[in-house]
Amino acid sequence: MAGFGATLRSIFIALLLFSVHGPLSVKETSAYESPADNLGQLIEKGREFSKQGRYEEALKSFEEAINLRPRSFESWMGKGSALMHMARFKEAEEAFDTSVQINPDSLEAWNNKGMMLIRLERYKSAAEAFRSALQINPESYETFINVAALYEEVDLATSWYNVSLSCAAMGKREDLFYCLRRAIASEPKYREEARKNPYFQAYSEEKKFKEIVGE
């Protein structure tokens, strides 16, 4: 009977609360969500805002997520991306710095940090960031293109030529042809260098290669 009495008391309290406050609203029930659920929602909201080009709102969502969990890698990456699109490059670099501290094995984080360093005209530090990225994945074509962007600030032709050599070494023939064509368009001297370079020997008899180097 004691158990029955406790049940009656619970029902009575529930009815009393309902009569005073009404049913719990969606906002009120959200208080019972776990922090992990809230974190995921904030990150997803930030990403959605970013897709829509609403970077101020995206930044706010990612910062709320960071307040909820200060070492959330996805939140710091999202914050850095939003700041990058807002041309707040120094703050973006700081966000990506935190990202690589949290997850030093993230290829994306090192690439993003390198791109921010280019915007800040800190080319040596950018090269070091891309070197860290290549240590994680030596065959990252994305990183090679970022390296090309780095050299574009200094020497575009050399950049494309070096990337074409990397593509040749990895057997990425279409990428090789594309990059080599860009290199020669910027600096014709690479036409002759490509003919003699042993990295291109395996492709030297292909029609597309001959067209690019002018044979």
C-alpha atoms as a PDB file:
ATOM      1  CA  MET A   1       0.000   0.000   0.000  1.00  0.00           C
ATOM      2  CA  ALA A   2       2.933   2.332   0.639  1.00  0.00           C
ATOM      3  CA  GLY A   3       3.883   2.021  -3.002  1.00  0.00           C
ATOM      4  CA  PHE A   4       0.330   2.808  -4.088  1.00  0.00           C
ATOM      5  CA  GLY A   5       0.301   5.922  -1.875  1.00  0.00           C
ATOM      6  CA  ALA A   6       3.584   7.133  -3.431  1.00  0.00           C
ATOM      7  CA  THR A   7       2.113   6.670  -6.894  1.00  0.00           C
ATOM      8  CA  LEU A   8      -0.956   8.724  -5.958  1.00  0.00           C
ATOM      9  CA  ARG A   9       1.255  11.495  -4.632  1.00  0.00           C
ATOM     10  CA  SER A  10       3.245  11.536  -7.895  1.00  0.00           C
ATOM     11  CA  ILE A  11       0.067  11.757  -9.957  1.00  0.00           C
ATOM     12  CA  PHE A  12      -1.261  14.555  -7.726  1.00  0.00           C
ATOM     13  CA  ILE A  13       1.975  16.581  -8.049  1.00  0.00           C
ATOM     14  CA  ALA A  14       1.996  16.091 -11.841  1.00  0.00           C
ATOM     15  CA  LEU A  15      -1.632  17.279 -12.116  1.00  0.00           C
ATOM     16  CA  LEU A  16      -0.874  20.281  -9.899  1.00  0.00           C
ATOM     17  CA  LEU A  17       2.098  21.315 -12.043  1.00  0.00           C
ATOM     18  CA  PHE A  18       0.043  20.880 -15.215  1.00  0.00           C
ATOM     19  CA  SER A  19      -2.771  23.077 -13.851  1.00  0.00           C
ATOM     20  CA  VAL A  20      -0.338  25.849 -12.915  1.00  0.00           C
ATOM     21  CA  HIS A  21       2.143  25.778 -15.795  1.00  0.00           C
ATOM     22  CA  GLY A  22       0.413  23.844 -18.551  1.00  0.00           C
ATOM     23  CA  PRO A  23       2.271  21.249 -20.619  1.00  0.00           C
ATOM     24  CA  LEU A  24       6.039  21.635 -20.927  1.00  0.00           C
ATOM     25  CA  SER A  25       6.972  23.617 -24.019  1.00  0.00           C
ATOM     26  CA  VAL A  26       9.585  22.493 -26.546  1.00  0.00           C
ATOM     27  CA  LYS A  27      11.984  25.044 -25.120  1.00  0.00           C
ATOM     28  CA  GLU A  28      11.455  23.711 -21.588  1.00  0.00           C
ATOM     29  CA  THR A  29      11.947  20.090 -22.590  1.00  0.00           C
ATOM     30  CA  SER A  30      15.205  21.023 -24.286  1.00  0.00           C
ATOM     31  CA  ALA A  31      16.638  21.554 -20.813  1.00  0.00           C
ATOM     32  CA  TYR A  32      16.651  17.781 -20.486  1.00  0.00           C
ATOM     33  CA  GLU A  33      18.800  17.269 -23.556  1.00  0.00           C
ATOM     34  CA  SER A  34      22.336  16.101 -22.924  1.00  0.00           C
ATOM     35  CA  PRO A  35      25.245  18.519 -23.512  1.00  0.00           C
ATOM     36  CA  ALA A  36      26.380  16.285 -26.375  1.00  0.00           C
ATOM     37  CA  ASP A  37      23.014  16.730 -28.107  1.00  0.00           C
ATOM     38  CA  ASN A  38      23.201  20.512 -27.717  1.00  0.00           C
ATOM     39  CA  LEU A  39      26.779  20.559 -28.996  1.00  0.00           C
ATOM     40  CA  GLY A  40      25.893  18.630 -32.129  1.00  0.00           C
ATOM     41  CA  GLN A  41      22.918  20.880 -32.821  1.00  0.00           C
ATOM     42  CA  LEU A  42      25.012  24.029 -32.479  1.00  0.00           C
ATOM     43  CA  ILE A  43      27.706  22.686 -34.804  1.00  0.00           C
ATOM     44  CA  GLU A  44      25.133  21.614 -37.372  1.00  0.00           C
ATOM     45  CA  LYS A  45      23.400  24.991 -37.141  1.00  0.00           C
ATOM     46  CA  GLY A  46      26.745  26.749 -37.657  1.00  0.00           C
ATOM     47  CA  ARG A  47      27.501  24.641 -40.717  1.00  0.00           C
ATOM     48  CA  GLU A  48      24.066  25.367 -42.156  1.00  0.00           C
ATOM     49  CA  PHE A  49      24.514  29.100 -41.642  1.00  0.00           C
ATOM     50  CA  SER A  50      27.920  28.878 -43.347  1.00  0.00           C
ATOM     51  CA  LYS A  51      26.397  27.135 -46.375  1.00  0.00           C
ATOM     52  CA  GLN A  52      23.918  30.009 -46.625  1.00  0.00           C
ATOM     53  CA  GLY A  53      26.679  32.611 -46.394  1.00  0.00           C
ATOM     54  CA  ARG A  54      25.389  33.817 -43.004  1.00  0.00           C
ATOM     55  CA  TYR A  55      28.829  33.873 -41.411  1.00  0.00           C
ATOM     56  CA  GLU A  56      28.057  36.146 -38.459  1.00  0.00           C
ATOM     57  CA  GLU A  57      25.336  33.747 -37.346  1.00  0.00           C
ATOM     58  CA  ALA A  58      27.574  30.755 -38.051  1.00  0.00           C
ATOM     59  CA  LEU A  59      30.313  32.288 -35.912  1.00  0.00           C
ATOM     60  CA  LYS A  60      27.868  32.819 -33.052  1.00  0.00           C
ATOM     61  CA  SER A  61      26.737  29.173 -33.202  1.00  0.00           C
ATOM     62  CA  PHE A  62      30.299  27.846 -33.200  1.00  0.00           C
ATOM     63  CA  GLU A  63      31.257  30.112 -30.293  1.00  0.00           C
ATOM     64  CA  GLU A  64      28.258  28.853 -28.316  1.00  0.00           C
ATOM     65  CA  ALA A  65      29.423  25.314 -29.035  1.00  0.00           C
ATOM     66  CA  ILE A  66      32.929  26.194 -27.812  1.00  0.00           C
ATOM     67  CA  ASN A  67      31.465  27.630 -24.606  1.00  0.00           C
ATOM     68  CA  LEU A  68      29.687  24.320 -24.129  1.00  0.00           C
ATOM     69  CA  ARG A  69      32.805  22.255 -24.862  1.00  0.00           C
ATOM     70  CA  PRO A  70      36.044  24.285 -25.102  1.00  0.00           C
ATOM     71  CA  ARG A  71      38.023  21.487 -26.781  1.00  0.00           C
ATOM     72  CA  SER A  72      35.515  20.661 -29.513  1.00  0.00           C
ATOM     73  CA  PHE A  73      37.608  20.242 -32.657  1.00  0.00           C
ATOM     74  CA  GLU A  74      34.655  20.656 -35.041  1.00  0.00           C
ATOM     75  CA  SER A  75      33.602  23.874 -33.301  1.00  0.00           C
ATOM     76  CA  TRP A  76      37.029  25.483 -33.618  1.00  0.00           C
ATOM     77  CA  MET A  77      37.301  24.420 -37.255  1.00  0.00           C
ATOM     78  CA  GLY A  78      33.886  25.894 -37.977  1.00  0.00           C
ATOM     79  CA  LYS A  79      34.800  29.104 -36.191  1.00  0.00           C
ATOM     80  CA  GLY A  80      38.002  29.418 -38.200  1.00  0.00           C
ATOM     81  CA  SER A  81      36.152  28.840 -41.464  1.00  0.00           C
ATOM     82  CA  ALA A  82      33.525  31.473 -40.624  1.00  0.00           C
ATOM     83  CA  LEU A  83      36.191  34.000 -39.673  1.00  0.00           C
ATOM     84  CA  MET A  84      38.083  33.239 -42.868  1.00  0.00           C
ATOM     85  CA  HIS A  85      35.033  34.067 -44.990  1.00  0.00           C
ATOM     86  CA  MET A  86      34.620  37.282 -43.000  1.00  0.00           C
ATOM     87  CA  ALA A  87      38.236  38.235 -43.866  1.00  0.00           C
ATOM     88  CA  ARG A  88      39.176  38.201 -40.180  1.00  0.00           C
ATOM     89  CA  PHE A  89      42.355  36.293 -40.983  1.00  0.00           C
ATOM     90  CA  LYS A  90      44.307  36.791 -37.758  1.00  0.00           C
ATOM     91  CA  GLU A  91      41.396  35.486 -35.682  1.00  0.00           C
ATOM     92  CA  ALA A  92      40.907  32.633 -38.148  1.00  0.00           C
ATOM     93  CA  GLU A  93      44.548  31.655 -37.793  1.00  0.00           C
ATOM     94  CA  GLU A  94      44.151  31.576 -34.005  1.00  0.00           C
ATOM     95  CA  ALA A  95      41.105  29.317 -34.366  1.00  0.00           C
ATOM     96  CA  PHE A  96      42.996  26.927 -36.652  1.00  0.00           C
ATOM     97  CA  ASP A  97      45.955  27.026 -34.240  1.00  0.00           C
ATOM     98  CA  THR A  98      43.636  25.736 -31.540  1.00  0.00           C
ATOM     99  CA  SER A  99      42.293  23.108 -33.961  1.00  0.00           C
ATOM    100  CA  VAL A 100      45.744  21.625 -34.611  1.00  0.00           C
ATOM    101  CA  GLN A 101      46.514  21.677 -30.896  1.00  0.00           C
ATOM    102  CA  ILE A 102      43.368  19.650 -30.237  1.00  0.00           C
ATOM    103  CA  ASN A 103      43.911  17.299 -33.186  1.00  0.00           C
ATOM    104  CA  PRO A 104      47.466  17.490 -34.566  1.00  0.00           C
ATOM    105  CA  ASP A 105      46.684  14.643 -36.997  1.00  0.00           C
ATOM    106  CA  SER A 106      44.058  16.617 -38.908  1.00  0.00           C
ATOM    107  CA  LEU A 107      45.088  17.187 -42.512  1.00  0.00           C
ATOM    108  CA  GLU A 108      42.289  19.715 -42.979  1.00  0.00           C
ATOM    109  CA  ALA A 109      43.342  21.780 -39.968  1.00  0.00           C
ATOM    110  CA  TRP A 110      46.959  22.086 -41.143  1.00  0.00           C
ATOM    111  CA  ASN A 111      45.838  22.986 -44.652  1.00  0.00           C
ATOM    112  CA  ASN A 112      43.474  25.652 -43.339  1.00  0.00           C
ATOM    113  CA  LYS A 113      46.163  27.075 -41.085  1.00  0.00           C
ATOM    114  CA  GLY A 114      48.568  27.238 -44.020  1.00  0.00           C
ATOM    115  CA  MET A 115      46.055  29.104 -46.168  1.00  0.00           C
ATOM    116  CA  MET A 116      45.476  31.643 -43.402  1.00  0.00           C
ATOM    117  CA  LEU A 117      49.216  32.194 -43.081  1.00  0.00           C
ATOM    118  CA  ILE A 118      49.382  32.931 -46.816  1.00  0.00           C
ATOM    119  CA  ARG A 119      46.684  35.578 -46.372  1.00  0.00           C
ATOM    120  CA  LEU A 120      48.774  37.064 -43.566  1.00  0.00           C
ATOM    121  CA  GLU A 121      51.846  36.994 -45.880  1.00  0.00           C
ATOM    122  CA  ARG A 122      53.743  34.714 -43.509  1.00  0.00           C
ATOM    123  CA  TYR A 123      54.974  32.436 -46.271  1.00  0.00           C
ATOM    124  CA  LYS A 124      57.663  30.530 -44.362  1.00  0.00           C
ATOM    125  CA  SER A 125      55.190  29.586 -41.629  1.00  0.00           C
ATOM    126  CA  ALA A 126      52.653  28.598 -44.310  1.00  0.00           C
ATOM    127  CA  ALA A 127      55.209  26.257 -45.876  1.00  0.00           C
ATOM    128  CA  GLU A 128      55.803  24.660 -42.462  1.00  0.00           C
ATOM    129  CA  ALA A 129      52.056  24.112 -42.022  1.00  0.00           C
ATOM    130  CA  PHE A 130      51.809  22.412 -45.434  1.00  0.00           C
ATOM    131  CA  ARG A 131      54.845  20.300 -44.576  1.00  0.00           C
ATOM    132  CA  SER A 132      52.989  19.088 -41.480  1.00  0.00           C
ATOM    133  CA  ALA A 133      49.993  18.278 -43.683  1.00  0.00           C
ATOM    134  CA  LEU A 134      52.141  16.224 -46.056  1.00  0.00           C
ATOM    135  CA  GLN A 135      53.621  14.304 -43.146  1.00  0.00           C
ATOM    136  CA  ILE A 136      50.069  13.167 -42.368  1.00  0.00           C
ATOM    137  CA  ASN A 137      49.282  12.298 -45.995  1.00  0.00           C
ATOM    138  CA  PRO A 138      52.183  12.488 -48.477  1.00  0.00           C
ATOM    139  CA  GLU A 139      49.754  12.009 -51.368  1.00  0.00           C
ATOM    140  CA  SER A 140      47.315  14.788 -50.488  1.00  0.00           C
ATOM    141  CA  TYR A 141      46.517  16.505 -53.760  1.00  0.00           C
ATOM    142  CA  GLU A 142      44.664  19.205 -51.841  1.00  0.00           C
ATOM    143  CA  THR A 143      47.900  20.062 -50.024  1.00  0.00           C
ATOM    144  CA  PHE A 144      49.831  20.189 -53.291  1.00  0.00           C
ATOM    145  CA  ILE A 145      47.319  22.696 -54.636  1.00  0.00           C
ATOM    146  CA  ASN A 146      47.670  24.729 -51.460  1.00  0.00           C
ATOM    147  CA  VAL A 147      51.424  24.678 -51.957  1.00  0.00           C
ATOM    148  CA  ALA A 148      50.722  25.951 -55.456  1.00  0.00           C
ATOM    149  CA  ALA A 149      48.759  28.811 -53.915  1.00  0.00           C
ATOM    150  CA  LEU A 150      51.743  29.542 -51.684  1.00  0.00           C
ATOM    151  CA  TYR A 151      54.114  29.702 -54.645  1.00  0.00           C
ATOM    152  CA  GLU A 152      51.608  31.792 -56.566  1.00  0.00           C
ATOM    153  CA  GLU A 153      52.464  34.609 -54.201  1.00  0.00           C
ATOM    154  CA  VAL A 154      56.102  34.216 -55.208  1.00  0.00           C
ATOM    155  CA  ASP A 155      56.447  32.194 -58.403  1.00  0.00           C
ATOM    156  CA  LEU A 156      53.334  30.708 -59.989  1.00  0.00           C
ATOM    157  CA  ALA A 157      55.135  28.795 -62.745  1.00  0.00           C
ATOM    158  CA  THR A 158      57.487  27.046 -60.329  1.00  0.00           C
ATOM    159  CA  SER A 159      54.535  26.116 -58.174  1.00  0.00           C
ATOM    160  CA  TRP A 160      52.644  24.397 -60.978  1.00  0.00           C
ATOM    161  CA  TYR A 161      55.794  22.670 -62.206  1.00  0.00           C
ATOM    162  CA  ASN A 162      56.613  21.286 -58.746  1.00  0.00           C
ATOM    163  CA  VAL A 163      53.068  20.025 -58.316  1.00  0.00           C
ATOM    164  CA  SER A 164      53.254  18.352 -61.732  1.00  0.00           C
ATOM    165  CA  LEU A 165      56.420  16.526 -60.588  1.00  0.00           C
ATOM    166  CA  SER A 166      54.626  15.321 -57.472  1.00  0.00           C
ATOM    167  CA  CYS A 167      51.693  14.111 -59.571  1.00  0.00           C
ATOM    168  CA  ALA A 168      54.073  12.264 -61.886  1.00  0.00           C
ATOM    169  CA  ALA A 169      55.685  10.502 -58.941  1.00  0.00           C
ATOM    170  CA  MET A 170      52.248   9.414 -57.669  1.00  0.00           C
ATOM    171  CA  GLY A 171      51.007   8.297 -61.094  1.00  0.00           C
ATOM    172  CA  LYS A 172      48.248  10.928 -61.255  1.00  0.00           C
ATOM    173  CA  ARG A 173      48.526  11.407 -65.016  1.00  0.00           C
ATOM    174  CA  GLU A 174      45.562  13.737 -65.638  1.00  0.00           C
ATOM    175  CA  ASP A 175      46.579  15.976 -62.754  1.00  0.00           C
ATOM    176  CA  LEU A 176      50.136  15.897 -64.024  1.00  0.00           C
ATOM    177  CA  PHE A 177      49.100  17.069 -67.486  1.00  0.00           C
ATOM    178  CA  TYR A 178      46.906  19.814 -66.087  1.00  0.00           C
ATOM    179  CA  CYS A 179      49.592  21.203 -63.772  1.00  0.00           C
ATOM    180  CA  LEU A 180      52.351  20.930 -66.362  1.00  0.00           C
ATOM    181  CA  ARG A 181      50.230  22.792 -68.899  1.00  0.00           C
ATOM    182  CA  ARG A 182      49.671  25.580 -66.366  1.00  0.00           C
ATOM    183  CA  ALA A 183      53.399  25.740 -65.577  1.00  0.00           C
ATOM    184  CA  ILE A 184      54.411  26.058 -69.230  1.00  0.00           C
ATOM    185  CA  ALA A 185      51.705  28.653 -69.884  1.00  0.00           C
ATOM    186  CA  SER A 186      53.212  30.794 -67.120  1.00  0.00           C
ATOM    187  CA  GLU A 187      56.849  30.103 -67.947  1.00  0.00           C
ATOM    188  CA  PRO A 188      57.775  28.524 -71.348  1.00  0.00           C
ATOM    189  CA  LYS A 189      61.206  27.436 -70.085  1.00  0.00           C
ATOM    190  CA  TYR A 190      59.507  24.498 -68.345  1.00  0.00           C
ATOM    191  CA  ARG A 191      58.693  22.999 -71.750  1.00  0.00           C
ATOM    192  CA  GLU A 192      62.337  22.064 -72.281  1.00  0.00           C
ATOM    193  CA  GLU A 193      62.845  21.076 -68.646  1.00  0.00           C
ATOM    194  CA  ALA A 194      59.877  18.716 -68.812  1.00  0.00           C
ATOM    195  CA  ARG A 195      61.315  16.969 -71.874  1.00  0.00           C
ATOM    196  CA  LYS A 196      64.521  16.173 -69.974  1.00  0.00           C
ATOM    197  CA  ASN A 197      63.170  15.502 -66.486  1.00  0.00           C
ATOM    198  CA  PRO A 198      63.326  11.761 -65.587  1.00  0.00           C
ATOM    199  CA  TYR A 199      60.118  12.080 -63.554  1.00  0.00           C
ATOM    200  CA  PHE A 200      58.221  12.457 -66.838  1.00  0.00           C
ATOM    201  CA  GLN A 201      59.975   9.613 -68.665  1.00  0.00           C
ATOM    202  CA  ALA A 202      57.058   7.217 -68.143  1.00  0.00           C
ATOM    203  CA  TYR A 203      54.737   9.708 -69.891  1.00  0.00           C
ATOM    204  CA  SER A 204      57.095  10.947 -72.611  1.00  0.00           C
ATOM    205  CA  GLU A 205      55.525   8.877 -75.410  1.00  0.00           C
ATOM    206  CA  GLU A 206      51.943   9.811 -74.616  1.00  0.00           C
ATOM    207  CA  LYS A 207      50.201  12.034 -77.131  1.00  0.00           C
ATOM    208  CA  LYS A 208      48.952  14.526 -74.528  1.00  0.00           C
ATOM    209  CA  PHE A 209      52.418  14.919 -73.028  1.00  0.00           C
ATOM    210  CA  LYS A 210      53.927  15.587 -76.448  1.00  0.00           C
ATOM    211  CA  GLU A 211      51.244  18.175 -77.170  1.00  0.00           C
ATOM    212  CA  ILE A 212      51.991  19.971 -73.896  1.00  0.00           C
ATOM    213  CA  VAL A 213      55.756  20.099 -74.344  1.00  0.00           C
ATOM    214  CA  GLY A 214      55.486  20.911 -78.031  1.00  0.00           C
ATOM    215  CA  GLU A 215      56.927  17.809 -79.652  1.00  0.00           C
END
